[in-house]
């Protein structure tokens, strides 16, 4: 079973990976889907066209960005899982956001699109065996594994769940939850470092 410690991702994706608490891929995706669907139900209709600052996306545009990004991540995962040696390009999220014309779309259609997309993506990722999940390839001149992209899908949404709660909905508990997750990561690193020190002392 491939876990978070087995994945290969570029450093700039580690923010997304660290937004997750789960080490198991299937659990990470399932829990992430459930949390985001729950949040989407809680967003007041008057907030969907709200941006917390000038030049920032509205919640509707943010959801479109999540959908577009996940399509890209999964296409990369499919390409690498099928042993395709193609060097895949990056994408400019800001240009895509303008071209997507999310403000003209209906909110409920965007929500349904995400649900359908995530269901299909989970079915695809759950169909892969460990060898396929550990396959790597090049995207935007960076090496990343299929499992890494799968965790990025969940982590990217988790990252934006926090952003929506904190900056769009003014949810203080979300900040506290972020601090708890950060504290757990620091504690885990300290424990690991302490274990290594003990091993060195024992060998000496």
N, C-alpha and C. Protein backbone atom coordinates (compact mmCIF):
# COMPACT_ATOMS: atom_id res chain seq x y z
N UNK A 1 0.84 -1.20 0.00
CA UNK A 1 0.00 0.00 0.00
C UNK A 1 0.88 1.26 0.00
N UNK A 2 0.64 2.14 -0.95
CA UNK A 2 1.41 3.38 -1.05
C UNK A 2 0.86 4.40 -0.05
N UNK A 3 1.76 4.98 0.75
CA UNK A 3 1.36 5.99 1.72
C UNK A 3 2.06 7.31 1.42
N UNK A 4 1.78 8.30 2.23
CA UNK A 4 2.32 9.63 1.98
C UNK A 4 3.85 9.65 1.99
N UNK A 5 4.47 8.81 2.80
CA UNK A 5 5.94 8.80 2.89
C UNK A 5 6.59 8.25 1.61
N UNK A 6 5.80 7.58 0.77
CA UNK A 6 6.35 6.98 -0.45
C UNK A 6 6.31 7.91 -1.66
N UNK A 7 5.65 9.05 -1.52
CA UNK A 7 5.40 9.87 -2.71
C UNK A 7 6.59 10.76 -3.06
N UNK A 8 6.63 11.14 -4.33
CA UNK A 8 7.64 12.08 -4.82
C UNK A 8 6.92 13.30 -5.36
N UNK A 9 7.18 14.47 -4.74
CA UNK A 9 6.56 15.72 -5.21
C UNK A 9 7.58 16.85 -5.14
N UNK A 10 7.47 17.85 -6.02
CA UNK A 10 8.33 19.04 -5.93
C UNK A 10 8.05 19.79 -4.63
N UNK A 11 9.01 20.56 -4.18
CA UNK A 11 8.87 21.29 -2.91
C UNK A 11 7.65 22.20 -2.87
N UNK A 12 7.32 22.84 -4.02
CA UNK A 12 6.22 23.81 -3.99
C UNK A 12 4.86 23.15 -3.79
N UNK A 13 4.78 21.82 -3.91
CA UNK A 13 3.53 21.11 -3.65
C UNK A 13 3.41 20.66 -2.19
N UNK A 14 4.48 20.80 -1.43
CA UNK A 14 4.48 20.28 -0.06
C UNK A 14 3.51 21.02 0.85
N UNK A 15 3.18 22.27 0.50
CA UNK A 15 2.16 23.01 1.26
C UNK A 15 0.84 22.26 1.22
N UNK A 16 0.51 21.72 0.05
CA UNK A 16 -0.73 20.96 -0.10
C UNK A 16 -0.66 19.64 0.65
N UNK A 17 0.47 18.96 0.54
CA UNK A 17 0.62 17.67 1.22
C UNK A 17 0.51 17.86 2.73
N UNK A 18 1.10 18.94 3.24
CA UNK A 18 1.09 19.20 4.68
C UNK A 18 -0.29 19.64 5.19
N UNK A 19 -1.18 19.97 4.26
CA UNK A 19 -2.55 20.35 4.66
C UNK A 19 -3.39 19.12 5.00
N UNK A 20 -2.84 17.94 4.72
CA UNK A 20 -3.56 16.69 4.98
C UNK A 20 -3.10 16.05 6.28
N UNK A 21 -4.01 15.35 6.94
CA UNK A 21 -3.67 14.63 8.16
C UNK A 21 -3.49 13.14 7.90
N UNK A 22 -4.07 12.65 6.81
CA UNK A 22 -4.06 11.21 6.53
C UNK A 22 -2.78 10.79 5.80
N UNK A 23 -2.31 9.58 6.11
CA UNK A 23 -1.18 9.00 5.39
C UNK A 23 -1.65 8.06 4.29
N UNK A 24 -2.86 7.51 4.45
CA UNK A 24 -3.43 6.59 3.47
C UNK A 24 -4.11 7.38 2.36
N UNK A 25 -3.80 7.06 1.11
CA UNK A 25 -4.31 7.82 -0.03
C UNK A 25 -5.83 7.76 -0.14
N UNK A 26 -6.40 6.55 -0.06
CA UNK A 26 -7.85 6.41 -0.20
C UNK A 26 -8.59 7.18 0.90
N UNK A 27 -8.06 7.11 2.12
CA UNK A 27 -8.68 7.83 3.23
C UNK A 27 -8.57 9.34 3.03
N UNK A 28 -7.41 9.78 2.55
CA UNK A 28 -7.20 11.22 2.32
C UNK A 28 -8.20 11.75 1.31
N UNK A 29 -8.38 11.03 0.21
CA UNK A 29 -9.31 11.47 -0.83
C UNK A 29 -10.76 11.42 -0.36
N UNK A 30 -11.14 10.32 0.29
CA UNK A 30 -12.52 10.16 0.74
C UNK A 30 -12.89 11.22 1.78
N UNK A 31 -12.01 11.44 2.75
CA UNK A 31 -12.28 12.43 3.79
C UNK A 31 -12.31 13.84 3.21
N UNK A 32 -11.39 14.10 2.29
CA UNK A 32 -11.31 15.41 1.66
C UNK A 32 -12.57 15.71 0.85
N UNK A 33 -13.05 14.71 0.11
CA UNK A 33 -14.27 14.87 -0.68
C UNK A 33 -15.45 15.18 0.24
N UNK A 34 -15.56 14.42 1.32
CA UNK A 34 -16.67 14.61 2.26
C UNK A 34 -16.63 16.00 2.88
N UNK A 35 -15.43 16.45 3.30
CA UNK A 35 -15.31 17.76 3.94
C UNK A 35 -15.65 18.90 2.97
N UNK A 36 -15.19 18.77 1.73
CA UNK A 36 -15.43 19.85 0.79
C UNK A 36 -16.90 19.91 0.37
N UNK A 37 -17.50 18.75 0.16
CA UNK A 37 -18.92 18.74 -0.19
C UNK A 37 -19.77 19.34 0.93
N UNK A 38 -19.37 19.05 2.17
CA UNK A 38 -20.07 19.62 3.32
C UNK A 38 -19.93 21.14 3.34
N UNK A 39 -18.70 21.63 3.07
CA UNK A 39 -18.46 23.07 3.06
C UNK A 39 -19.25 23.76 1.96
N UNK A 40 -19.30 23.15 0.78
CA UNK A 40 -20.03 23.74 -0.34
C UNK A 40 -21.51 23.95 0.00
N UNK A 41 -22.06 23.04 0.79
CA UNK A 41 -23.46 23.17 1.22
C UNK A 41 -23.65 24.33 2.20
N UNK A 42 -22.58 24.65 2.94
CA UNK A 42 -22.67 25.67 3.99
C UNK A 42 -22.44 27.09 3.48
N UNK A 43 -21.94 27.24 2.27
CA UNK A 43 -21.64 28.57 1.74
C UNK A 43 -22.94 29.30 1.39
N UNK A 44 -23.21 30.45 2.02
CA UNK A 44 -24.43 31.21 1.71
C UNK A 44 -24.41 31.68 0.25
N UNK A 45 -25.56 31.70 -0.38
CA UNK A 45 -25.62 32.09 -1.79
C UNK A 45 -25.09 33.51 -2.00
N UNK A 46 -25.29 34.37 -1.02
CA UNK A 46 -24.84 35.76 -1.15
C UNK A 46 -23.31 35.88 -1.14
N UNK A 47 -22.63 34.78 -0.76
CA UNK A 47 -21.17 34.81 -0.67
C UNK A 47 -20.46 34.28 -1.92
N UNK A 48 -21.18 33.64 -2.82
CA UNK A 48 -20.49 32.95 -3.92
C UNK A 48 -19.78 33.91 -4.87
N UNK A 49 -20.23 35.16 -4.92
CA UNK A 49 -19.56 36.16 -5.77
C UNK A 49 -18.72 37.14 -4.95
N UNK A 50 -18.41 36.73 -3.72
CA UNK A 50 -17.64 37.58 -2.81
C UNK A 50 -16.14 37.30 -2.94
N UNK A 51 -15.35 38.36 -2.99
CA UNK A 51 -13.89 38.26 -2.95
C UNK A 51 -13.42 39.03 -1.71
N UNK A 52 -12.50 38.46 -0.94
CA UNK A 52 -12.12 39.08 0.33
C UNK A 52 -11.19 40.28 0.16
N UNK A 53 -10.66 40.49 -1.05
CA UNK A 53 -9.81 41.65 -1.31
C UNK A 53 -9.80 41.93 -2.81
N UNK A 54 -9.43 43.15 -3.16
CA UNK A 54 -9.38 43.52 -4.58
C UNK A 54 -8.35 42.67 -5.31
N UNK A 55 -8.73 42.16 -6.47
CA UNK A 55 -7.82 41.35 -7.26
C UNK A 55 -7.84 39.87 -6.90
N UNK A 56 -8.58 39.50 -5.85
CA UNK A 56 -8.69 38.09 -5.45
C UNK A 56 -9.90 37.46 -6.13
N UNK A 57 -9.86 36.14 -6.26
CA UNK A 57 -10.97 35.43 -6.89
C UNK A 57 -12.19 35.43 -5.97
N UNK A 58 -13.36 35.35 -6.59
CA UNK A 58 -14.58 35.10 -5.82
C UNK A 58 -14.62 33.61 -5.48
N UNK A 59 -15.53 33.22 -4.61
CA UNK A 59 -15.66 31.79 -4.27
C UNK A 59 -16.02 30.99 -5.52
N UNK A 60 -16.86 31.56 -6.36
CA UNK A 60 -17.24 30.88 -7.60
C UNK A 60 -16.01 30.65 -8.49
N UNK A 61 -15.18 31.67 -8.62
CA UNK A 61 -13.96 31.54 -9.42
C UNK A 61 -12.99 30.56 -8.78
N UNK A 62 -12.96 30.54 -7.46
CA UNK A 62 -12.09 29.62 -6.74
C UNK A 62 -12.51 28.17 -6.99
N UNK A 63 -13.81 27.92 -6.99
CA UNK A 63 -14.29 26.56 -7.27
C UNK A 63 -13.94 26.15 -8.70
N UNK A 64 -14.07 27.08 -9.64
CA UNK A 64 -13.68 26.79 -11.02
C UNK A 64 -12.19 26.45 -11.10
N UNK A 65 -11.38 27.20 -10.35
CA UNK A 65 -9.94 26.94 -10.30
C UNK A 65 -9.65 25.55 -9.75
N UNK A 66 -10.36 25.15 -8.71
CA UNK A 66 -10.17 23.82 -8.12
C UNK A 66 -10.50 22.74 -9.15
N UNK A 67 -11.59 22.92 -9.86
CA UNK A 67 -12.00 21.95 -10.89
C UNK A 67 -10.95 21.86 -11.99
N UNK A 68 -10.53 23.02 -12.51
CA UNK A 68 -9.54 23.03 -13.60
C UNK A 68 -8.23 22.40 -13.16
N UNK A 69 -7.77 22.75 -11.96
CA UNK A 69 -6.50 22.23 -11.46
C UNK A 69 -6.56 20.71 -11.30
N UNK A 70 -7.68 20.23 -10.78
CA UNK A 70 -7.80 18.78 -10.57
C UNK A 70 -7.81 18.03 -11.90
N UNK A 71 -8.41 18.62 -12.91
CA UNK A 71 -8.38 17.99 -14.24
C UNK A 71 -6.94 17.86 -14.73
N UNK A 72 -6.15 18.90 -14.51
CA UNK A 72 -4.74 18.88 -14.93
C UNK A 72 -3.96 17.83 -14.15
N UNK A 73 -4.13 17.83 -12.82
CA UNK A 73 -3.40 16.87 -11.98
C UNK A 73 -3.72 15.43 -12.38
N UNK A 74 -5.00 15.17 -12.65
CA UNK A 74 -5.40 13.80 -12.98
C UNK A 74 -4.94 13.41 -14.38
N UNK A 75 -4.93 14.36 -15.31
CA UNK A 75 -4.40 14.03 -16.64
C UNK A 75 -2.92 13.65 -16.53
N UNK A 76 -2.20 14.39 -15.71
CA UNK A 76 -0.78 14.05 -15.49
C UNK A 76 -0.66 12.65 -14.88
N UNK A 77 -1.50 12.37 -13.88
CA UNK A 77 -1.46 11.06 -13.23
C UNK A 77 -1.77 9.94 -14.23
N UNK A 78 -2.76 10.15 -15.07
CA UNK A 78 -3.13 9.16 -16.09
C UNK A 78 -1.97 8.94 -17.06
N UNK A 79 -1.36 10.03 -17.50
CA UNK A 79 -0.24 9.94 -18.44
C UNK A 79 0.91 9.11 -17.87
N UNK A 80 1.27 9.40 -16.63
CA UNK A 80 2.40 8.69 -16.01
C UNK A 80 2.05 7.24 -15.68
N UNK A 81 0.81 7.01 -15.24
CA UNK A 81 0.39 5.65 -14.90
C UNK A 81 0.39 4.75 -16.14
N UNK A 82 0.18 5.36 -17.31
CA UNK A 82 0.17 4.59 -18.56
C UNK A 82 1.55 4.54 -19.23
N UNK A 83 2.58 4.94 -18.48
CA UNK A 83 3.98 4.88 -18.95
C UNK A 83 4.22 5.73 -20.19
N UNK A 84 3.51 6.83 -20.30
CA UNK A 84 3.71 7.75 -21.42
C UNK A 84 4.89 8.66 -21.07
N UNK A 85 5.93 8.71 -21.90
CA UNK A 85 7.13 9.50 -21.59
C UNK A 85 7.00 11.00 -21.90
N UNK A 86 5.82 11.44 -22.29
CA UNK A 86 5.63 12.84 -22.67
C UNK A 86 6.02 13.79 -21.54
N UNK A 87 6.66 14.90 -21.91
CA UNK A 87 7.00 15.95 -20.94
C UNK A 87 5.83 16.94 -20.94
N UNK A 88 5.07 16.93 -19.87
CA UNK A 88 3.84 17.71 -19.84
C UNK A 88 4.10 19.17 -19.42
N UNK A 89 3.35 20.10 -19.99
CA UNK A 89 3.55 21.52 -19.68
C UNK A 89 2.89 21.93 -18.37
N UNK A 90 3.23 23.12 -17.90
CA UNK A 90 2.54 23.70 -16.76
C UNK A 90 1.33 24.46 -17.27
N UNK A 91 0.68 25.21 -16.39
CA UNK A 91 -0.44 26.04 -16.83
C UNK A 91 -0.49 27.30 -15.96
N UNK A 92 -0.96 28.37 -16.55
CA UNK A 92 -1.05 29.65 -15.84
C UNK A 92 -2.45 29.76 -15.24
N UNK A 93 -2.55 29.56 -13.94
CA UNK A 93 -3.86 29.53 -13.28
C UNK A 93 -4.63 30.84 -13.42
N UNK A 94 -3.91 31.95 -13.47
CA UNK A 94 -4.59 33.25 -13.59
C UNK A 94 -5.18 33.46 -14.98
N UNK A 95 -4.43 33.08 -16.01
CA UNK A 95 -4.96 33.17 -17.37
C UNK A 95 -6.14 32.22 -17.57
N UNK A 96 -6.02 31.03 -16.98
CA UNK A 96 -7.11 30.06 -17.07
C UNK A 96 -8.37 30.61 -16.38
N UNK A 97 -8.19 31.26 -15.25
CA UNK A 97 -9.33 31.79 -14.50
C UNK A 97 -10.09 32.83 -15.31
N UNK A 98 -9.34 33.66 -16.04
CA UNK A 98 -9.98 34.68 -16.89
C UNK A 98 -10.73 34.02 -18.03
N UNK A 99 -10.07 33.04 -18.67
CA UNK A 99 -10.67 32.38 -19.83
C UNK A 99 -11.88 31.51 -19.46
N UNK A 100 -11.92 31.04 -18.21
CA UNK A 100 -13.01 30.15 -17.78
C UNK A 100 -14.36 30.85 -17.67
N UNK A 101 -14.34 32.17 -17.44
CA UNK A 101 -15.58 32.96 -17.33
C UNK A 101 -16.53 32.40 -16.26
N UNK A 102 -15.95 32.05 -15.12
CA UNK A 102 -16.75 31.48 -14.03
C UNK A 102 -17.91 32.37 -13.58
N UNK A 103 -17.76 33.71 -13.57
CA UNK A 103 -18.89 34.55 -13.13
C UNK A 103 -20.17 34.32 -13.93
N UNK A 104 -20.03 33.84 -15.16
CA UNK A 104 -21.21 33.61 -16.00
C UNK A 104 -21.85 32.25 -15.75
N UNK A 105 -21.16 31.40 -15.00
CA UNK A 105 -21.67 30.05 -14.78
C UNK A 105 -22.62 30.00 -13.58
N UNK A 106 -23.47 28.99 -13.56
CA UNK A 106 -24.39 28.80 -12.44
C UNK A 106 -23.67 28.05 -11.33
N UNK A 107 -23.86 28.51 -10.10
CA UNK A 107 -23.18 27.94 -8.95
C UNK A 107 -23.48 26.45 -8.79
N UNK A 108 -24.75 26.08 -8.89
CA UNK A 108 -25.10 24.67 -8.68
C UNK A 108 -24.48 23.76 -9.73
N UNK A 109 -24.27 24.29 -10.95
CA UNK A 109 -23.63 23.49 -12.00
C UNK A 109 -22.15 23.27 -11.69
N UNK A 110 -21.50 24.29 -11.15
CA UNK A 110 -20.10 24.14 -10.74
C UNK A 110 -19.97 23.11 -9.63
N UNK A 111 -20.88 23.18 -8.67
CA UNK A 111 -20.85 22.22 -7.55
C UNK A 111 -21.03 20.80 -8.07
N UNK A 112 -22.00 20.60 -8.96
CA UNK A 112 -22.24 19.27 -9.52
C UNK A 112 -21.06 18.79 -10.35
N UNK A 113 -20.41 19.72 -11.05
CA UNK A 113 -19.25 19.35 -11.85
C UNK A 113 -18.12 18.85 -10.96
N UNK A 114 -17.89 19.55 -9.84
CA UNK A 114 -16.85 19.08 -8.93
C UNK A 114 -17.18 17.69 -8.39
N UNK A 115 -18.42 17.48 -7.98
CA UNK A 115 -18.83 16.18 -7.43
C UNK A 115 -18.58 15.06 -8.44
N UNK A 116 -19.01 15.29 -9.69
CA UNK A 116 -18.85 14.27 -10.74
C UNK A 116 -17.37 14.03 -11.03
N UNK A 117 -16.61 15.11 -11.10
CA UNK A 117 -15.18 15.01 -11.39
C UNK A 117 -14.46 14.23 -10.30
N UNK A 118 -14.72 14.58 -9.04
CA UNK A 118 -14.03 13.91 -7.93
C UNK A 118 -14.42 12.43 -7.85
N UNK A 119 -15.69 12.12 -8.11
CA UNK A 119 -16.12 10.71 -8.10
C UNK A 119 -15.35 9.92 -9.15
N UNK A 120 -15.25 10.47 -10.36
CA UNK A 120 -14.52 9.80 -11.44
C UNK A 120 -13.04 9.67 -11.09
N UNK A 121 -12.47 10.71 -10.50
CA UNK A 121 -11.05 10.69 -10.15
C UNK A 121 -10.74 9.66 -9.07
N UNK A 122 -11.61 9.56 -8.08
CA UNK A 122 -11.40 8.56 -7.03
C UNK A 122 -11.49 7.15 -7.59
N UNK A 123 -12.45 6.91 -8.49
CA UNK A 123 -12.57 5.59 -9.11
C UNK A 123 -11.31 5.25 -9.89
N UNK A 124 -10.80 6.22 -10.63
CA UNK A 124 -9.57 6.00 -11.41
C UNK A 124 -8.39 5.71 -10.49
N UNK A 125 -8.17 6.55 -9.49
CA UNK A 125 -7.02 6.39 -8.61
C UNK A 125 -7.10 5.10 -7.80
N UNK A 126 -8.30 4.73 -7.37
CA UNK A 126 -8.46 3.49 -6.61
C UNK A 126 -8.26 2.25 -7.47
N UNK A 127 -8.28 2.42 -8.79
CA UNK A 127 -8.08 1.28 -9.69
C UNK A 127 -6.60 0.96 -9.90
N UNK A 128 -5.72 1.86 -9.47
CA UNK A 128 -4.29 1.70 -9.72
C UNK A 128 -3.63 0.84 -8.65
N UNK A 129 -2.68 0.00 -9.07
CA UNK A 129 -1.92 -0.78 -8.09
C UNK A 129 -0.69 0.02 -7.66
N UNK A 130 0.08 -0.53 -6.74
CA UNK A 130 1.22 0.21 -6.19
C UNK A 130 2.25 0.58 -7.26
N UNK A 131 2.50 -0.33 -8.20
CA UNK A 131 3.48 -0.04 -9.26
C UNK A 131 3.04 1.16 -10.08
N UNK A 132 1.75 1.22 -10.39
CA UNK A 132 1.23 2.35 -11.17
C UNK A 132 1.28 3.64 -10.36
N UNK A 133 0.97 3.56 -9.08
CA UNK A 133 0.97 4.75 -8.23
C UNK A 133 2.38 5.32 -8.04
N UNK A 134 3.38 4.45 -8.13
CA UNK A 134 4.76 4.89 -7.92
C UNK A 134 5.44 5.34 -9.22
N UNK A 135 4.74 5.22 -10.34
CA UNK A 135 5.29 5.70 -11.61
C UNK A 135 5.50 7.21 -11.53
N UNK A 136 6.56 7.69 -12.13
CA UNK A 136 6.83 9.14 -12.13
C UNK A 136 6.91 9.66 -13.55
N UNK A 137 6.80 10.97 -13.67
CA UNK A 137 6.93 11.62 -14.97
C UNK A 137 7.27 13.08 -14.77
N UNK A 138 7.38 13.80 -15.88
CA UNK A 138 7.76 15.21 -15.81
C UNK A 138 6.58 16.10 -16.19
N UNK A 139 6.28 17.04 -15.28
CA UNK A 139 5.24 18.03 -15.54
C UNK A 139 5.80 19.40 -15.15
N UNK A 140 5.76 20.32 -16.09
CA UNK A 140 6.29 21.66 -15.85
C UNK A 140 7.75 21.60 -15.39
N UNK A 141 8.50 20.66 -15.99
CA UNK A 141 9.94 20.47 -15.71
C UNK A 141 10.22 19.99 -14.29
N UNK A 142 9.25 19.33 -13.67
CA UNK A 142 9.43 18.77 -12.33
C UNK A 142 9.00 17.31 -12.32
N UNK A 143 9.77 16.48 -11.63
CA UNK A 143 9.42 15.07 -11.49
C UNK A 143 8.39 14.91 -10.37
N UNK A 144 7.37 14.11 -10.64
CA UNK A 144 6.34 13.85 -9.63
C UNK A 144 5.73 12.48 -9.90
N UNK A 145 5.32 11.80 -8.85
CA UNK A 145 4.74 10.47 -9.01
C UNK A 145 3.22 10.54 -9.12
N UNK A 146 2.64 9.44 -9.58
CA UNK A 146 1.18 9.36 -9.69
C UNK A 146 0.55 9.53 -8.30
N UNK A 147 1.10 8.83 -7.31
CA UNK A 147 0.58 8.95 -5.94
C UNK A 147 0.76 10.37 -5.42
N UNK A 148 1.88 10.99 -5.80
CA UNK A 148 2.10 12.38 -5.40
C UNK A 148 1.01 13.29 -5.93
N UNK A 149 0.65 13.10 -7.19
CA UNK A 149 -0.42 13.90 -7.80
C UNK A 149 -1.76 13.63 -7.13
N UNK A 150 -1.99 12.38 -6.75
CA UNK A 150 -3.24 12.03 -6.07
C UNK A 150 -3.34 12.74 -4.72
N UNK A 151 -2.24 12.74 -3.97
CA UNK A 151 -2.23 13.45 -2.69
C UNK A 151 -2.35 14.96 -2.92
N UNK A 152 -1.76 15.46 -4.01
CA UNK A 152 -1.87 16.89 -4.32
C UNK A 152 -3.33 17.27 -4.59
N UNK A 153 -4.08 16.39 -5.27
CA UNK A 153 -5.50 16.66 -5.51
C UNK A 153 -6.23 16.91 -4.19
N UNK A 154 -6.01 16.01 -3.23
CA UNK A 154 -6.66 16.16 -1.92
C UNK A 154 -6.12 17.37 -1.17
N UNK A 155 -4.79 17.53 -1.20
CA UNK A 155 -4.17 18.63 -0.46
C UNK A 155 -4.51 20.00 -1.02
N UNK A 156 -4.64 20.09 -2.34
CA UNK A 156 -5.00 21.36 -2.97
C UNK A 156 -6.39 21.80 -2.52
N UNK A 157 -7.32 20.85 -2.47
CA UNK A 157 -8.67 21.17 -2.00
C UNK A 157 -8.65 21.51 -0.51
N UNK A 158 -7.88 20.74 0.28
CA UNK A 158 -7.78 21.02 1.72
C UNK A 158 -7.24 22.42 1.97
N UNK A 159 -6.26 22.81 1.18
CA UNK A 159 -5.68 24.16 1.27
C UNK A 159 -6.76 25.22 1.03
N UNK A 160 -7.58 25.00 0.01
CA UNK A 160 -8.61 25.99 -0.32
C UNK A 160 -9.80 25.93 0.63
N UNK A 161 -10.03 24.79 1.24
CA UNK A 161 -11.06 24.72 2.29
C UNK A 161 -10.70 25.69 3.41
N UNK A 162 -9.44 25.65 3.81
CA UNK A 162 -8.98 26.56 4.87
C UNK A 162 -9.10 28.02 4.42
N UNK A 163 -8.70 28.30 3.18
CA UNK A 163 -8.78 29.68 2.66
C UNK A 163 -10.22 30.18 2.66
N UNK A 164 -11.14 29.34 2.20
CA UNK A 164 -12.56 29.74 2.15
C UNK A 164 -13.08 30.01 3.55
N UNK A 165 -12.77 29.11 4.47
CA UNK A 165 -13.27 29.29 5.84
C UNK A 165 -12.70 30.54 6.50
N UNK A 166 -11.40 30.74 6.35
CA UNK A 166 -10.75 31.85 7.04
C UNK A 166 -11.01 33.20 6.38
N UNK A 167 -10.82 33.27 5.07
CA UNK A 167 -10.82 34.57 4.40
C UNK A 167 -12.15 34.96 3.76
N UNK A 168 -12.95 33.96 3.44
CA UNK A 168 -14.24 34.27 2.81
C UNK A 168 -15.40 34.19 3.80
N UNK A 169 -15.32 33.26 4.74
CA UNK A 169 -16.41 33.06 5.69
C UNK A 169 -16.06 33.54 7.09
N UNK A 170 -14.80 33.95 7.31
CA UNK A 170 -14.39 34.46 8.61
C UNK A 170 -14.47 33.43 9.72
N UNK A 171 -14.09 32.20 9.40
CA UNK A 171 -14.18 31.08 10.35
C UNK A 171 -12.93 31.00 11.21
N UNK A 172 -13.00 31.47 12.45
CA UNK A 172 -11.86 31.43 13.37
C UNK A 172 -11.43 30.00 13.71
N UNK A 173 -12.37 29.06 13.93
CA UNK A 173 -11.95 27.69 14.23
C UNK A 173 -11.05 27.08 13.17
N UNK A 174 -11.20 27.52 11.92
CA UNK A 174 -10.36 26.99 10.84
C UNK A 174 -8.90 27.35 11.10
N UNK A 175 -8.67 28.56 11.62
CA UNK A 175 -7.30 28.97 11.94
C UNK A 175 -6.73 28.09 13.06
N UNK A 176 -7.59 27.82 14.06
CA UNK A 176 -7.15 26.99 15.17
C UNK A 176 -6.83 25.57 14.70
N UNK A 177 -7.64 25.07 13.77
CA UNK A 177 -7.41 23.72 13.23
C UNK A 177 -6.08 23.68 12.48
N UNK A 178 -5.78 24.75 11.74
CA UNK A 178 -4.52 24.84 11.02
C UNK A 178 -3.35 24.80 12.00
N UNK A 179 -3.50 25.53 13.11
CA UNK A 179 -2.44 25.56 14.13
C UNK A 179 -2.24 24.18 14.76
N UNK A 180 -3.35 23.45 14.96
CA UNK A 180 -3.25 22.09 15.52
C UNK A 180 -2.49 21.16 14.58
N UNK A 181 -2.83 21.24 13.28
CA UNK A 181 -2.16 20.40 12.28
C UNK A 181 -0.68 20.72 12.24
N UNK A 182 -0.36 22.03 12.27
CA UNK A 182 1.04 22.46 12.24
C UNK A 182 1.79 21.96 13.47
N UNK A 183 1.13 22.01 14.64
CA UNK A 183 1.75 21.55 15.88
C UNK A 183 2.02 20.05 15.83
N UNK A 184 1.09 19.29 15.23
CA UNK A 184 1.27 17.84 15.10
C UNK A 184 2.46 17.51 14.22
N UNK A 185 2.60 18.27 13.12
CA UNK A 185 3.72 18.04 12.19
C UNK A 185 5.04 18.33 12.88
N UNK A 186 5.10 19.44 13.64
CA UNK A 186 6.32 19.81 14.36
C UNK A 186 6.66 18.76 15.41
N UNK A 187 5.64 18.29 16.13
CA UNK A 187 5.84 17.26 17.16
C UNK A 187 6.37 15.97 16.56
N UNK A 188 5.82 15.61 15.38
CA UNK A 188 6.25 14.39 14.70
C UNK A 188 7.71 14.50 14.26
N UNK A 189 8.09 15.69 13.75
CA UNK A 189 9.47 15.92 13.31
C UNK A 189 10.44 15.86 14.48
N UNK A 190 10.04 16.45 15.62
CA UNK A 190 10.89 16.44 16.81
C UNK A 190 11.08 15.02 17.33
N UNK A 191 10.00 14.25 17.30
CA UNK A 191 10.05 12.86 17.77
C UNK A 191 10.98 12.04 16.89
N UNK A 192 10.89 12.29 15.57
CA UNK A 192 11.74 11.58 14.61
C UNK A 192 13.20 11.95 14.82
N UNK A 193 13.45 13.26 15.03
CA UNK A 193 14.81 13.74 15.24
C UNK A 193 15.38 13.17 16.53
N UNK A 194 14.54 13.08 17.58
CA UNK A 194 14.97 12.52 18.86
C UNK A 194 15.33 11.06 18.74
N UNK A 195 14.56 10.33 17.94
CA UNK A 195 14.83 8.90 17.74
C UNK A 195 16.16 8.70 17.03
N UNK A 196 16.46 9.55 16.05
CA UNK A 196 17.73 9.46 15.33
C UNK A 196 18.90 9.75 16.26
N UNK A 197 18.72 10.74 17.15
CA UNK A 197 19.78 11.09 18.11
C UNK A 197 20.08 9.93 19.04
N UNK A 198 19.04 9.25 19.51
CA UNK A 198 19.21 8.09 20.39
C UNK A 198 19.96 6.97 19.70
N UNK A 199 19.65 6.76 18.41
CA UNK A 199 20.32 5.71 17.64
C UNK A 199 21.80 6.02 17.51
N UNK A 200 22.12 7.29 17.23
CA UNK A 200 23.52 7.70 17.10
C UNK A 200 24.27 7.52 18.40
N UNK A 201 23.63 7.90 19.51
CA UNK A 201 24.26 7.76 20.82
C UNK A 201 24.51 6.30 21.15
N UNK A 202 23.55 5.45 20.80
CA UNK A 202 23.67 4.02 21.06
C UNK A 202 24.84 3.42 20.27
N UNK A 203 24.95 3.86 19.00
CA UNK A 203 26.03 3.35 18.15
C UNK A 203 27.39 3.82 18.65
N UNK A 204 27.42 5.04 19.19
CA UNK A 204 28.68 5.58 19.70
C UNK A 204 29.14 4.79 20.93
